[in-house]
Amino acid sequence: MPAALPDARAEEAIRVRYQCLGRFDATEVTALFFNKAPSEVVLLVGSEGALRLPQQRAASGARYADGTDAFWIKGDRANWTRGTTMTCQTVPSRVSSDRSSPEPTR
């Protein structure tokens, strides 16, 4: 009898929308949080496409970074660093299943 195959279902992401404000601009970002190992966030930024950041150790909140970009969340706020730092706030969801505080549990 053949060995059982592992469960191949895709992990469901936690989707959170943020409004990020920089010194001279504002950007809406959709963050897709994946909490199963390896934990990561995928940031969807309008016409710029997607940015995938692995989770890093953080003393408080959750930090995702790749050496160039960093997205650090705590509660319903985030800081997004891409050369300069933008301050982000969650945008109220239109769907009740969205969560506004995606910090992973450890």
C-alpha atoms as a PDB file:
ATOM      1  CA  MET A   1       0.000   0.000   0.000  1.00  0.00           C
ATOM      2  CA  PRO A   2       1.506   3.441  -0.931  1.00  0.00           C
ATOM      3  CA  ALA A   3       2.460   5.885   1.826  1.00  0.00           C
ATOM      4  CA  ALA A   4      -0.023   8.629   2.594  1.00  0.00           C
ATOM      5  CA  LEU A   5       0.769  11.952   0.997  1.00  0.00           C
ATOM      6  CA  PRO A   6       1.084  15.022   3.234  1.00  0.00           C
ATOM      7  CA  ASP A   7      -1.828  17.431   3.280  1.00  0.00           C
ATOM      8  CA  ALA A   8      -1.203  19.733   0.300  1.00  0.00           C
ATOM      9  CA  ARG A   9      -3.861  22.362   1.055  1.00  0.00           C
ATOM     10  CA  ALA A  10      -2.640  25.946   0.860  1.00  0.00           C
ATOM     11  CA  GLU A  11      -2.477  27.908   4.085  1.00  0.00           C
ATOM     12  CA  GLU A  12      -5.140  30.583   4.348  1.00  0.00           C
ATOM     13  CA  ALA A  13      -3.628  34.038   4.772  1.00  0.00           C
ATOM     14  CA  ILE A  14      -4.740  36.686   7.221  1.00  0.00           C
ATOM     15  CA  ARG A  15      -5.525  39.704   5.015  1.00  0.00           C
ATOM     16  CA  VAL A  16      -5.165  43.208   6.459  1.00  0.00           C
ATOM     17  CA  ARG A  17      -5.344  46.535   4.608  1.00  0.00           C
ATOM     18  CA  TYR A  18      -3.142  49.435   5.740  1.00  0.00           C
ATOM     19  CA  GLN A  19      -2.985  53.114   4.822  1.00  0.00           C
ATOM     20  CA  CYS A  20       0.700  54.112   5.010  1.00  0.00           C
ATOM     21  CA  LEU A  21       1.770  57.744   5.263  1.00  0.00           C
ATOM     22  CA  GLY A  22       5.226  58.989   4.429  1.00  0.00           C
ATOM     23  CA  ARG A  23       6.616  62.479   4.527  1.00  0.00           C
ATOM     24  CA  PHE A  24       5.108  63.457   1.155  1.00  0.00           C
ATOM     25  CA  ASP A  25       2.951  60.544   0.080  1.00  0.00           C
ATOM     26  CA  ALA A  26       0.352  57.974   1.071  1.00  0.00           C
ATOM     27  CA  THR A  27       0.126  54.361  -0.072  1.00  0.00           C
ATOM     28  CA  GLU A  28      -2.507  51.699   0.497  1.00  0.00           C
ATOM     29  CA  VAL A  29      -0.986  48.284   1.181  1.00  0.00           C
ATOM     30  CA  THR A  30      -2.659  44.896   1.528  1.00  0.00           C
ATOM     31  CA  ALA A  31      -0.701  42.586   3.824  1.00  0.00           C
ATOM     32  CA  LEU A  32      -1.147  38.817   3.611  1.00  0.00           C
ATOM     33  CA  PHE A  33       0.167  37.183   6.789  1.00  0.00           C
ATOM     34  CA  PHE A  34       1.159  33.503   6.687  1.00  0.00           C
ATOM     35  CA  ASN A  35       1.814  32.198  10.198  1.00  0.00           C
ATOM     36  CA  LYS A  36       2.833  28.595   9.513  1.00  0.00           C
ATOM     37  CA  ALA A  37       6.594  28.011   9.321  1.00  0.00           C
ATOM     38  CA  PRO A  38       8.255  29.685   7.613  1.00  0.00           C
ATOM     39  CA  SER A  39       6.190  32.702   8.767  1.00  0.00           C
ATOM     40  CA  GLU A  40       6.116  35.594   6.329  1.00  0.00           C
ATOM     41  CA  VAL A  41       4.119  38.537   5.042  1.00  0.00           C
ATOM     42  CA  VAL A  42       3.396  39.345   1.418  1.00  0.00           C
ATOM     43  CA  LEU A  43       2.763  43.055   0.831  1.00  0.00           C
ATOM     44  CA  LEU A  44       0.616  43.902  -2.196  1.00  0.00           C
ATOM     45  CA  VAL A  45       1.359  47.450  -3.305  1.00  0.00           C
ATOM     46  CA  GLY A  46      -0.828  48.696  -6.159  1.00  0.00           C
ATOM     47  CA  SER A  47       0.961  48.586  -9.484  1.00  0.00           C
ATOM     48  CA  GLU A  48       4.337  47.846  -7.831  1.00  0.00           C
ATOM     49  CA  GLY A  49       3.405  44.199  -7.345  1.00  0.00           C
ATOM     50  CA  ALA A  50       4.192  41.991  -4.359  1.00  0.00           C
ATOM     51  CA  LEU A  51       6.951  42.076  -1.769  1.00  0.00           C
ATOM     52  CA  ARG A  52       7.620  38.927   0.310  1.00  0.00           C
ATOM     53  CA  LEU A  53       9.285  39.416   3.723  1.00  0.00           C
ATOM     54  CA  PRO A  54      10.232  36.613   6.149  1.00  0.00           C
ATOM     55  CA  GLN A  55       9.423  37.006   9.838  1.00  0.00           C
ATOM     56  CA  GLN A  56      12.314  38.058  12.099  1.00  0.00           C
ATOM     57  CA  ARG A  57      12.708  37.999  15.872  1.00  0.00           C
ATOM     58  CA  ALA A  58      11.102  40.956  17.642  1.00  0.00           C
ATOM     59  CA  ALA A  59      10.887  41.908  21.300  1.00  0.00           C
ATOM     60  CA  SER A  60       7.444  43.419  20.751  1.00  0.00           C
ATOM     61  CA  GLY A  61       4.927  43.005  17.926  1.00  0.00           C
ATOM     62  CA  ALA A  62       5.899  41.149  14.771  1.00  0.00           C
ATOM     63  CA  ARG A  63       8.741  42.132  12.436  1.00  0.00           C
ATOM     64  CA  TYR A  64       9.182  41.037   8.824  1.00  0.00           C
ATOM     65  CA  ALA A  65      12.360  42.032   6.964  1.00  0.00           C
ATOM     66  CA  ASP A  66      14.753  41.025   4.211  1.00  0.00           C
ATOM     67  CA  GLY A  67      17.753  43.325   4.765  1.00  0.00           C
ATOM     68  CA  THR A  68      16.364  46.068   2.493  1.00  0.00           C
ATOM     69  CA  ASP A  69      12.697  46.402   3.465  1.00  0.00           C
ATOM     70  CA  ALA A  70      11.085  45.992   6.891  1.00  0.00           C
ATOM     71  CA  PHE A  71       7.439  45.831   7.999  1.00  0.00           C
ATOM     72  CA  TRP A  72       6.993  45.951  11.781  1.00  0.00           C
ATOM     73  CA  ILE A  73       3.495  45.631  13.259  1.00  0.00           C
ATOM     74  CA  LYS A  74       2.093  46.120  16.723  1.00  0.00           C
ATOM     75  CA  GLY A  75      -1.665  46.041  17.181  1.00  0.00           C
ATOM     76  CA  ASP A  76      -3.385  48.016  14.424  1.00  0.00           C
ATOM     77  CA  ARG A  77      -0.299  50.061  13.522  1.00  0.00           C
ATOM     78  CA  ALA A  78       2.824  49.306  11.500  1.00  0.00           C
ATOM     79  CA  ASN A  79       6.042  50.920  10.353  1.00  0.00           C
ATOM     80  CA  TRP A  80       7.161  50.150   6.819  1.00  0.00           C
ATOM     81  CA  THR A  81      10.744  50.965   5.901  1.00  0.00           C
ATOM     82  CA  ARG A  82      11.688  51.211   2.216  1.00  0.00           C
ATOM     83  CA  GLY A  83      14.549  53.681   2.211  1.00  0.00           C
ATOM     84  CA  THR A  84      12.383  55.947   4.383  1.00  0.00           C
ATOM     85  CA  THR A  85       9.918  54.916   7.062  1.00  0.00           C
ATOM     86  CA  MET A  86       6.166  55.176   6.577  1.00  0.00           C
ATOM     87  CA  THR A  87       3.658  54.960   9.428  1.00  0.00           C
ATOM     88  CA  CYS A  88       0.727  52.659   8.682  1.00  0.00           C
ATOM     89  CA  GLN A  89      -2.746  52.277  10.203  1.00  0.00           C
ATOM     90  CA  THR A  90      -5.213  49.481   9.496  1.00  0.00           C
ATOM     91  CA  VAL A  91      -8.138  50.321   7.246  1.00  0.00           C
ATOM     92  CA  PRO A  92     -11.486  49.016   8.552  1.00  0.00           C
ATOM     93  CA  SER A  93     -12.356  45.808   6.728  1.00  0.00           C
ATOM     94  CA  ARG A  94     -15.427  45.343   4.588  1.00  0.00           C
ATOM     95  CA  VAL A  95     -15.536  41.629   5.389  1.00  0.00           C
ATOM     96  CA  SER A  96     -16.127  40.502   8.961  1.00  0.00           C
ATOM     97  CA  SER A  97     -13.629  37.606   8.647  1.00  0.00           C
ATOM     98  CA  ASP A  98     -10.656  39.996   8.245  1.00  0.00           C
ATOM     99  CA  ARG A  99      -8.631  40.546  11.408  1.00  0.00           C
ATOM    100  CA  SER A 100      -7.206  43.942  12.267  1.00  0.00           C
ATOM    101  CA  SER A 101      -4.425  42.646  14.537  1.00  0.00           C
ATOM    102  CA  PRO A 102      -2.497  39.840  12.817  1.00  0.00           C
ATOM    103  CA  GLU A 103       0.339  39.402  15.315  1.00  0.00           C
ATOM    104  CA  PRO A 104       1.290  35.735  15.309  1.00  0.00           C
ATOM    105  CA  THR A 105       1.238  33.755  18.515  1.00  0.00           C
ATOM    106  CA  ARG A 106       4.388  32.072  19.720  1.00  0.00           C
END
